[in-house]
Amino acid sequence: MKQGVFITGTDTGVGKTFVTCMLLRSLVNKGIKAAGMKPVETGCKPSGFALVPADGTAIKAAAKMQDNINLIVPYMFEKPLSPYAASMIEGRIVEPAGILDSYAALAKAYDFMVVEGAGGLMVPVCSGTNAGINRSAYYYSDLAGDLELPLLIVARAGLGTINHTMLTVRCALEEGLRVVGVVLNSTSGSAYDISEDTNLQVLRNICPVPVITRLSYAEPENDETRAAVQEIISAVLSFGS
């Protein structure tokens, strides 16, 4: 089984790419040959006859990868929608087999894989027909399972995250997925929200998987954020050992 982690979220816009890139940079700085991948990216900007995946480009830079961007992001769409919806509108089919082929090619060349999903576990990647399964849709939970990677769940730190986090964790466990833990991420520099502190403690009391740390909003990265990332790396690297 390849060593790595699948980054999922409780929702869109919770900071998955931020966490993915920080994790990759830290792994590379530790001398670990790590690769990043975003199987499907929507909301890509057109440039001539091509699309530019902002998240995929950031992931490639964070891992200092020289691989072709089409291997890192095998499916790109312009519409900022779920992969399934974007593929329907743009008339291009997403095939899980193509994602698995790209993953396998990268996994042969790297020691650690960091794969970032889109939205949450129940976001549909494509129809069940395209995936060759007798079900209406193939979800990111299915992809994480096929990749055999444990999950790192990124959740908002503020109000509302308890419900979203517990639902995501419950879904993951019911799908038979392994979970490294949860990272709470402050997604804006807005005024202090007391729920961020209480949410961390409450989730640590009730969540059936580890709630690893809370990332403070920081751009550029600061010492507090780097310390939190080290907690995440320790949890990821020690998971299952």
Protein backbone atom coordinates (compact mmCIF):
# COMPACT_ATOMS: atom_id res chain seq x y z
CA MET A 1 0.00 0.00 0.00
CA LYS A 2 1.45 3.37 -1.03
CA GLN A 3 2.19 5.79 1.78
CA GLY A 4 0.16 8.95 1.49
CA VAL A 5 -2.99 10.81 2.46
CA PHE A 6 -6.22 11.98 0.83
CA ILE A 7 -7.22 15.54 1.77
CA THR A 8 -10.97 16.01 1.97
CA GLY A 9 -13.14 18.73 3.44
CA THR A 10 -16.44 19.23 5.20
CA ASP A 11 -17.40 21.68 2.45
CA THR A 12 -15.93 23.77 -0.33
CA GLY A 13 -13.72 26.70 0.60
CA VAL A 14 -12.51 25.25 3.91
CA GLY A 15 -8.82 25.48 3.01
CA LYS A 16 -7.98 22.07 1.54
CA THR A 17 -5.44 23.48 -0.93
CA PHE A 18 -3.86 25.61 1.81
CA VAL A 19 -3.37 22.52 3.97
CA THR A 20 -2.29 20.38 1.02
CA CYS A 21 0.41 22.83 -0.04
CA MET A 22 1.69 23.37 3.49
CA LEU A 23 1.88 19.63 4.02
CA LEU A 24 3.76 19.12 0.75
CA ARG A 25 6.26 21.89 1.45
CA SER A 26 6.97 20.49 4.89
CA LEU A 27 7.39 16.93 3.60
CA VAL A 28 9.80 18.10 0.90
CA ASN A 29 11.75 20.14 3.47
CA LYS A 30 12.10 16.95 5.51
CA GLY A 31 13.73 15.27 2.53
CA ILE A 32 10.71 13.15 1.67
CA LYS A 33 10.08 12.69 -2.05
CA ALA A 34 6.42 13.72 -2.05
CA ALA A 35 4.01 14.37 -4.91
CA GLY A 36 0.70 16.18 -4.95
CA MET A 37 -2.32 15.51 -7.11
CA LYS A 38 -5.75 17.06 -7.65
CA PRO A 39 -7.65 14.50 -9.75
CA VAL A 40 -10.33 16.93 -10.94
CA GLU A 41 -10.21 20.71 -10.79
CA THR A 42 -13.12 22.91 -11.81
CA GLY A 43 -13.17 26.68 -12.12
CA CYS A 44 -9.97 26.64 -14.19
CA LYS A 45 -9.06 29.81 -16.10
CA PRO A 46 -8.73 29.60 -19.90
CA SER A 47 -5.36 30.51 -21.41
CA GLY A 48 -5.35 30.24 -25.16
CA PHE A 49 -6.58 26.74 -25.98
CA ALA A 50 -5.71 25.39 -22.53
CA LEU A 51 -7.06 25.64 -19.01
CA VAL A 52 -4.92 26.69 -16.05
CA PRO A 53 -5.70 24.90 -12.76
CA ALA A 54 -4.86 27.31 -9.93
CA ASP A 55 -4.92 24.65 -7.21
CA GLY A 56 -2.96 22.16 -9.29
CA THR A 57 -0.35 24.78 -10.13
CA ALA A 58 0.03 25.65 -6.44
CA ILE A 59 0.35 21.96 -5.56
CA LYS A 60 3.01 21.43 -8.23
CA ALA A 61 5.03 24.38 -6.93
CA ALA A 62 4.69 23.33 -3.28
CA ALA A 63 6.06 19.86 -4.02
CA LYS A 64 8.68 21.20 -6.46
CA MET A 65 7.44 18.73 -9.04
CA GLN A 66 8.68 18.74 -12.63
CA ASP A 67 5.86 16.53 -13.91
CA ASN A 68 3.39 17.65 -16.54
CA ILE A 69 0.41 19.47 -15.02
CA ASN A 70 -1.93 17.07 -16.84
CA LEU A 71 -0.58 14.24 -14.71
CA ILE A 72 -1.13 16.24 -11.52
CA VAL A 73 -4.61 17.36 -12.63
CA PRO A 74 -5.85 14.80 -15.16
CA TYR A 75 -9.28 16.42 -15.52
CA MET A 76 -9.80 20.19 -15.80
CA PHE A 77 -13.03 22.12 -16.30
CA GLU A 78 -13.80 25.81 -16.67
CA LYS A 79 -17.16 25.90 -14.87
CA PRO A 80 -16.88 26.31 -11.07
CA LEU A 81 -19.13 23.34 -10.31
CA SER A 82 -18.89 19.82 -8.97
CA PRO A 83 -16.88 17.57 -11.34
CA TYR A 84 -20.02 15.68 -12.37
CA ALA A 85 -21.96 18.88 -13.14
CA ALA A 86 -19.05 20.54 -14.96
CA SER A 87 -18.49 17.45 -17.08
CA MET A 88 -22.15 17.37 -18.11
CA ILE A 89 -22.14 21.03 -19.15
CA GLU A 90 -18.77 20.90 -20.93
CA GLY A 91 -19.41 17.52 -22.56
CA ARG A 92 -16.27 15.78 -21.32
CA ILE A 93 -16.43 12.55 -19.37
CA VAL A 94 -14.51 11.95 -16.16
CA GLU A 95 -13.34 8.35 -15.94
CA PRO A 96 -12.01 7.10 -12.59
CA ALA A 97 -9.72 4.70 -14.47
CA GLY A 98 -7.92 7.72 -15.93
CA ILE A 99 -7.43 9.18 -12.45
CA LEU A 100 -6.10 5.88 -11.14
CA ASP A 101 -3.67 5.62 -14.08
CA SER A 102 -2.28 9.11 -13.37
CA TYR A 103 -1.99 8.30 -9.70
CA ALA A 104 -0.15 5.05 -10.43
CA ALA A 105 2.32 6.86 -12.70
CA LEU A 106 3.13 9.41 -9.98
CA ALA A 107 3.21 6.82 -7.22
CA LYS A 108 5.95 4.91 -9.06
CA ALA A 109 8.19 7.97 -9.00
CA TYR A 110 7.49 9.30 -5.51
CA ASP A 111 7.61 7.97 -1.96
CA PHE A 112 4.59 9.82 -0.54
CA MET A 113 1.36 10.91 -2.24
CA VAL A 114 -0.90 13.80 -1.19
CA VAL A 115 -4.18 13.79 -3.12
CA GLU A 116 -6.65 16.65 -2.76
CA GLY A 117 -10.33 16.12 -3.40
CA ALA A 118 -12.96 18.72 -4.26
CA GLY A 119 -15.64 19.79 -1.79
CA GLY A 120 -16.46 16.84 0.47
CA LEU A 121 -16.75 13.08 0.41
CA MET A 122 -20.23 13.00 -1.11
CA VAL A 123 -19.41 15.28 -4.04
CA PRO A 124 -19.99 13.20 -7.20
CA VAL A 125 -16.98 12.77 -9.45
CA CYS A 126 -18.96 11.24 -12.30
CA SER A 127 -21.91 8.99 -13.03
CA GLY A 128 -21.89 5.41 -11.89
CA THR A 129 -22.00 4.34 -15.53
CA ASN A 130 -18.72 6.13 -16.28
CA ALA A 131 -17.18 4.42 -13.28
CA GLY A 132 -18.50 1.00 -14.29
CA ILE A 133 -20.57 0.57 -11.13
CA ASN A 134 -24.26 -0.16 -10.70
CA ARG A 135 -25.04 3.07 -8.83
CA SER A 136 -26.17 6.57 -9.74
CA ALA A 137 -22.82 8.23 -9.00
CA TYR A 138 -19.17 7.66 -8.17
CA TYR A 139 -18.24 9.90 -5.21
CA TYR A 140 -14.99 11.18 -3.73
CA SER A 141 -15.48 8.64 -0.96
CA ASP A 142 -15.27 5.96 -3.67
CA LEU A 143 -12.12 7.52 -5.11
CA ALA A 144 -10.41 7.68 -1.72
CA GLY A 145 -11.27 4.03 -1.22
CA ASP A 146 -9.94 3.03 -4.64
CA LEU A 147 -6.69 4.90 -3.96
CA GLU A 148 -6.45 3.11 -0.58
CA LEU A 149 -5.40 6.33 1.13
CA PRO A 150 -6.39 7.42 4.64
CA LEU A 151 -8.28 10.69 4.99
CA LEU A 152 -7.20 13.97 6.49
CA ILE A 153 -10.39 16.00 6.99
CA VAL A 154 -10.16 19.80 6.79
CA ALA A 155 -13.03 21.64 8.49
CA ARG A 156 -13.89 25.24 9.21
CA ALA A 157 -12.92 26.30 12.70
CA GLY A 158 -15.94 28.51 13.34
CA LEU A 159 -19.62 28.19 14.11
CA GLY A 160 -21.38 25.28 12.39
CA THR A 161 -18.35 23.05 12.10
CA ILE A 162 -19.43 20.52 14.74
CA ASN A 163 -22.33 19.27 12.63
CA HIS A 164 -20.38 19.33 9.35
CA THR A 165 -17.38 17.58 10.89
CA MET A 166 -19.35 14.86 12.64
CA LEU A 167 -21.36 14.13 9.50
CA THR A 168 -18.19 13.86 7.41
CA VAL A 169 -16.46 11.62 9.93
CA ARG A 170 -19.54 9.40 10.25
CA CYS A 171 -19.77 9.12 6.45
CA ALA A 172 -16.08 8.21 6.19
CA LEU A 173 -16.28 5.50 8.82
CA GLU A 174 -19.50 4.07 7.41
CA GLU A 175 -17.80 3.87 4.00
CA GLY A 176 -14.98 1.88 5.58
CA LEU A 177 -12.40 4.62 5.10
CA ARG A 178 -9.48 5.12 7.45
CA VAL A 179 -9.20 8.59 8.98
CA VAL A 180 -5.94 10.14 10.18
CA GLY A 181 -7.84 12.94 11.85
CA VAL A 182 -9.44 16.35 11.56
CA VAL A 183 -7.81 19.75 11.13
CA LEU A 184 -9.83 22.85 11.98
CA ASN A 185 -8.89 25.75 9.73
CA SER A 186 -9.69 29.42 10.27
CA THR A 187 -10.58 30.50 6.76
CA SER A 188 -10.54 34.27 7.19
CA GLY A 189 -8.91 37.03 9.16
CA SER A 190 -12.21 38.27 10.52
CA ALA A 191 -12.87 39.21 14.15
CA TYR A 192 -12.16 36.60 16.80
CA ASP A 193 -14.87 33.95 17.08
CA ILE A 194 -15.07 32.25 20.50
CA SER A 195 -16.66 29.21 18.87
CA GLU A 196 -13.27 28.38 17.32
CA ASP A 197 -11.89 27.55 20.77
CA THR A 198 -14.98 25.78 22.04
CA ASN A 199 -15.40 23.83 18.81
CA LEU A 200 -11.90 22.42 19.14
CA GLN A 201 -12.55 21.18 22.67
CA VAL A 202 -16.05 19.87 21.98
CA LEU A 203 -14.92 17.94 18.92
CA ARG A 204 -12.00 16.47 20.82
CA ASN A 205 -14.51 15.26 23.40
CA ILE A 206 -17.03 13.72 21.01
CA CYS A 207 -15.32 12.92 17.71
CA PRO A 208 -14.44 9.23 17.15
CA VAL A 209 -11.23 10.18 15.30
CA PRO A 210 -8.40 12.49 16.45
CA VAL A 211 -8.93 16.25 16.14
CA ILE A 212 -5.29 17.06 15.50
CA THR A 213 -5.01 20.83 15.67
CA ARG A 214 -6.43 24.19 14.69
CA LEU A 215 -4.74 26.28 12.05
CA SER A 216 -4.94 30.01 12.57
CA TYR A 217 -5.52 32.23 9.57
CA ALA A 218 -2.05 33.22 8.43
CA GLU A 219 -0.78 34.61 5.16
CA PRO A 220 2.13 34.33 4.87
CA GLU A 221 2.76 31.37 7.17
CA ASN A 222 3.85 32.21 10.71
CA ASP A 223 5.46 30.24 13.55
CA GLU A 224 2.10 29.20 15.03
CA THR A 225 0.95 27.83 11.71
CA ARG A 226 4.22 26.00 11.10
CA ALA A 227 3.98 24.37 14.53
CA ALA A 228 0.44 23.21 13.76
CA VAL A 229 1.61 21.79 10.44
CA GLN A 230 4.26 19.76 12.26
CA GLU A 231 1.47 18.24 14.37
CA ILE A 232 -0.34 17.32 11.18
CA ILE A 233 2.79 15.81 9.61
CA SER A 234 3.50 13.74 12.73
CA ALA A 235 -0.06 12.39 12.68
CA VAL A 236 0.09 11.59 8.96
CA LEU A 237 3.51 9.93 9.00
CA SER A 238 2.79 7.87 12.11
CA PHE A 239 -0.67 6.76 11.02
CA GLY A 240 -0.92 3.01 10.70
CA SER A 241 2.67 2.43 11.79
